C-alpha atoms as a PDB file:
ATOM      1  CA  UNK A   1     123.071  91.443 129.212  1.00  0.00           C
ATOM      2  CA  UNK A   2     124.443  88.650 127.170  1.00  0.00           C
ATOM      3  CA  UNK A   3     126.326  89.137 123.898  1.00  0.00           C
ATOM      4  CA  UNK A   4     123.472  87.632 121.852  1.00  0.00           C
ATOM      5  CA  UNK A   5     120.967  90.249 123.023  1.00  0.00           C
ATOM      6  CA  UNK A   6     123.109  93.062 121.564  1.00  0.00           C
ATOM      7  CA  UNK A   7     123.175  91.685 118.009  1.00  0.00           C
ATOM      8  CA  UNK A   8     120.775  93.686 115.817  1.00  0.00           C
ATOM      9  CA  UNK A   9     118.086  91.779 113.966  1.00  0.00           C
ATOM     10  CA  UNK A  10     118.552  91.501 110.187  1.00  0.00           C
ATOM     11  CA  UNK A  11     116.833  94.255 108.232  1.00  0.00           C
ATOM     12  CA  UNK A  12     113.976  93.050 106.050  1.00  0.00           C
ATOM     13  CA  UNK A  13     113.571  94.931 102.777  1.00  0.00           C
ATOM     14  CA  UNK A  14     109.989  95.686 101.819  1.00  0.00           C
ATOM     15  CA  UNK A  15     108.905  96.368  98.250  1.00  0.00           C
ATOM     16  CA  UNK A  16     106.903  99.559  97.776  1.00  0.00           C
ATOM     17  CA  UNK A  17     103.587  99.112  95.968  1.00  0.00           C
ATOM     18  CA  UNK A  18     101.563 102.136  94.936  1.00  0.00           C
ATOM     19  CA  UNK A  19      97.851 102.147  95.758  1.00  0.00           C
ATOM     20  CA  UNK A  20      94.728 103.312  93.922  1.00  0.00           C
ATOM     21  CA  UNK A  21      95.450 106.098  91.378  1.00  0.00           C
ATOM     22  CA  UNK A  22      98.906 107.021  92.719  1.00  0.00           C
ATOM     23  CA  UNK A  23     102.075 107.222  90.609  1.00  0.00           C
ATOM     24  CA  UNK A  24     105.680 107.181  91.907  1.00  0.00           C
ATOM     25  CA  UNK A  25     107.967 109.411  89.815  1.00  0.00           C
ATOM     26  CA  UNK A  26     111.697 110.120  89.855  1.00  0.00           C
ATOM     27  CA  UNK A  27     112.540 113.578  88.508  1.00  0.00           C
ATOM     28  CA  UNK A  28     114.498 113.395  85.251  1.00  0.00           C
ATOM     29  CA  UNK A  29     118.118 114.445  85.580  1.00  0.00           C
ATOM     30  CA  UNK A  30     118.566 117.985  84.359  1.00  0.00           C
ATOM     31  CA  UNK A  31     121.892 119.739  84.386  1.00  0.00           C
ATOM     32  CA  UNK A  32     120.128 122.938  85.417  1.00  0.00           C
ATOM     33  CA  UNK A  33     121.465 125.041  82.573  1.00  0.00           C
ATOM     34  CA  UNK A  34     119.310 125.034  79.411  1.00  0.00           C
ATOM     35  CA  UNK A  35     119.665 126.306  75.864  1.00  0.00           C
ATOM     36  CA  UNK A  36     116.960 128.022  73.875  1.00  0.00           C
ATOM     37  CA  UNK A  37     116.298 126.952  70.289  1.00  0.00           C
ATOM     38  CA  UNK A  38     118.332 130.000  69.198  1.00  0.00           C
ATOM     39  CA  UNK A  39     121.356 128.802  71.204  1.00  0.00           C
ATOM     40  CA  UNK A  40     121.042 131.244  74.116  1.00  0.00           C
ATOM     41  CA  UNK A  41     122.195 129.724  77.431  1.00  0.00           C
ATOM     42  CA  UNK A  42     119.571 130.028  80.180  1.00  0.00           C
ATOM     43  CA  UNK A  43     121.150 129.608  83.653  1.00  0.00           C
ATOM     44  CA  UNK A  44     119.527 127.368  86.250  1.00  0.00           C
ATOM     45  CA  UNK A  45     118.987 130.404  88.477  1.00  0.00           C
ATOM     46  CA  UNK A  46     116.752 132.155  85.915  1.00  0.00           C
ATOM     47  CA  UNK A  47     113.223 132.704  87.185  1.00  0.00           C
ATOM     48  CA  UNK A  48     110.659 130.786  85.158  1.00  0.00           C
ATOM     49  CA  UNK A  49     106.972 131.047  86.022  1.00  0.00           C
ATOM     50  CA  UNK A  50     105.358 127.701  86.817  1.00  0.00           C
ATOM     51  CA  UNK A  51     107.642 125.476  84.775  1.00  0.00           C
ATOM     52  CA  UNK A  52     106.502 121.876  84.261  1.00  0.00           C
ATOM     53  CA  UNK A  53     108.990 119.033  84.706  1.00  0.00           C
ATOM     54  CA  UNK A  54     109.592 115.621  83.173  1.00  0.00           C
ATOM     55  CA  UNK A  55     110.013 112.534  85.321  1.00  0.00           C
ATOM     56  CA  UNK A  56     110.276 108.773  84.960  1.00  0.00           C
ATOM     57  CA  UNK A  57     107.501 106.536  86.311  1.00  0.00           C
ATOM     58  CA  UNK A  58     108.781 103.880  88.719  1.00  0.00           C
ATOM     59  CA  UNK A  59     105.485 102.538  90.042  1.00  0.00           C
ATOM     60  CA  UNK A  60     101.734 102.802  89.500  1.00  0.00           C
ATOM     61  CA  UNK A  61      98.688 101.894  91.556  1.00  0.00           C
ATOM     62  CA  UNK A  62      96.099  99.336  90.464  1.00  0.00           C
ATOM     63  CA  UNK A  63      93.583 102.028  89.348  1.00  0.00           C
ATOM     64  CA  UNK A  64      96.016 103.888  87.050  1.00  0.00           C
ATOM     65  CA  UNK A  65      94.800 103.428  83.473  1.00  0.00           C
ATOM     66  CA  UNK A  66      96.969 105.472  81.088  1.00  0.00           C
ATOM     67  CA  UNK A  67     100.434 105.550  82.659  1.00  0.00           C
ATOM     68  CA  UNK A  68     102.823 102.589  82.738  1.00  0.00           C
ATOM     69  CA  UNK A  69     106.118 101.962  84.525  1.00  0.00           C
ATOM     70  CA  UNK A  70     109.055 103.419  82.514  1.00  0.00           C
ATOM     71  CA  UNK A  71     106.897 106.112  80.845  1.00  0.00           C
ATOM     72  CA  UNK A  72     108.203 109.670  80.996  1.00  0.00           C
ATOM     73  CA  UNK A  73     105.542 112.065  82.290  1.00  0.00           C
ATOM     74  CA  UNK A  74     105.067 115.844  82.355  1.00  0.00           C
ATOM     75  CA  UNK A  75     103.729 117.408  85.566  1.00  0.00           C
ATOM     76  CA  UNK A  76     103.939 120.391  87.912  1.00  0.00           C
ATOM     77  CA  UNK A  77     106.479 119.396  90.610  1.00  0.00           C
ATOM     78  CA  UNK A  78     105.372 122.180  92.964  1.00  0.00           C
ATOM     79  CA  UNK A  79     101.961 120.572  93.516  1.00  0.00           C
ATOM     80  CA  UNK A  80     103.264 117.089  94.411  1.00  0.00           C
ATOM     81  CA  UNK A  81     104.246 115.272  97.568  1.00  0.00           C
ATOM     82  CA  UNK A  82     107.901 114.376  97.991  1.00  0.00           C
ATOM     83  CA  UNK A  83     109.180 111.251  99.700  1.00  0.00           C
ATOM     84  CA  UNK A  84     112.729 110.108 100.440  1.00  0.00           C
ATOM     85  CA  UNK A  85     113.565 106.429  99.933  1.00  0.00           C
ATOM     86  CA  UNK A  86     117.073 105.233 100.793  1.00  0.00           C
ATOM     87  CA  UNK A  87     118.437 108.777 100.454  1.00  0.00           C
ATOM     88  CA  UNK A  88     116.877 109.532  97.038  1.00  0.00           C
ATOM     89  CA  UNK A  89     113.959 111.898  96.468  1.00  0.00           C
ATOM     90  CA  UNK A  90     110.793 110.793  94.645  1.00  0.00           C
ATOM     91  CA  UNK A  91     107.399 112.351  93.990  1.00  0.00           C
ATOM     92  CA  UNK A  92     104.011 110.770  94.651  1.00  0.00           C
ATOM     93  CA  UNK A  93     101.091 112.092  92.612  1.00  0.00           C
ATOM     94  CA  UNK A  94      97.666 111.202  91.325  1.00  0.00           C
ATOM     95  CA  UNK A  95      97.334 110.115  87.710  1.00  0.00           C
ATOM     96  CA  UNK A  96      95.064 113.104  87.041  1.00  0.00           C
ATOM     97  CA  UNK A  97      97.953 115.480  87.912  1.00  0.00           C
ATOM     98  CA  UNK A  98      99.967 114.251  84.912  1.00  0.00           C
ATOM     99  CA  UNK A  99      99.712 116.548  81.877  1.00  0.00           C
ATOM    100  CA  UNK A 100     101.397 114.399  79.200  1.00  0.00           C
ATOM    101  CA  UNK A 101     103.143 111.067  78.621  1.00  0.00           C
ATOM    102  CA  UNK A 102     106.230 110.465  76.457  1.00  0.00           C
ATOM    103  CA  UNK A 103     106.143 106.798  75.511  1.00  0.00           C
ATOM    104  CA  UNK A 104     106.821 104.405  72.661  1.00  0.00           C
ATOM    105  CA  UNK A 105     103.089 103.625  72.501  1.00  0.00           C
ATOM    106  CA  UNK A 106     101.561 105.877  69.834  1.00  0.00           C
ATOM    107  CA  UNK A 107      97.784 105.513  70.017  1.00  0.00           C
ATOM    108  CA  UNK A 108      96.971 109.242  70.261  1.00  0.00           C
ATOM    109  CA  UNK A 109     100.254 111.083  69.782  1.00  0.00           C
ATOM    110  CA  UNK A 110     100.888 114.738  68.982  1.00  0.00           C
ATOM    111  CA  UNK A 111     103.597 114.182  66.364  1.00  0.00           C
ATOM    112  CA  UNK A 112     106.179 115.743  68.728  1.00  0.00           C
ATOM    113  CA  UNK A 113     109.020 113.650  70.160  1.00  0.00           C
ATOM    114  CA  UNK A 114     111.543 114.042  72.992  1.00  0.00           C
END
């Protein structure tokens, strides 16, 4: 074998594009420990039944109508598919699996803010 046949080919980076009604979400950073409104510290190990999570939208498919990139969304992380991209974990879900959106757009808001 010659020296040129051992040189690895350059790696081509491919941009990920979501399809159809799929949404790519990165889980919001949570320190694990929470505080109740009364100031009680709730440890990360406390059992909570079916807790919903917030995440940041990084990509949307062409059939997604209500969610935009950079929105913060509320969803059940246990029902979603997880994918690892360059060592980081992300979730892939359908738009219909999103329960709420926290965004600067205020067409039909609740009056509650994050």
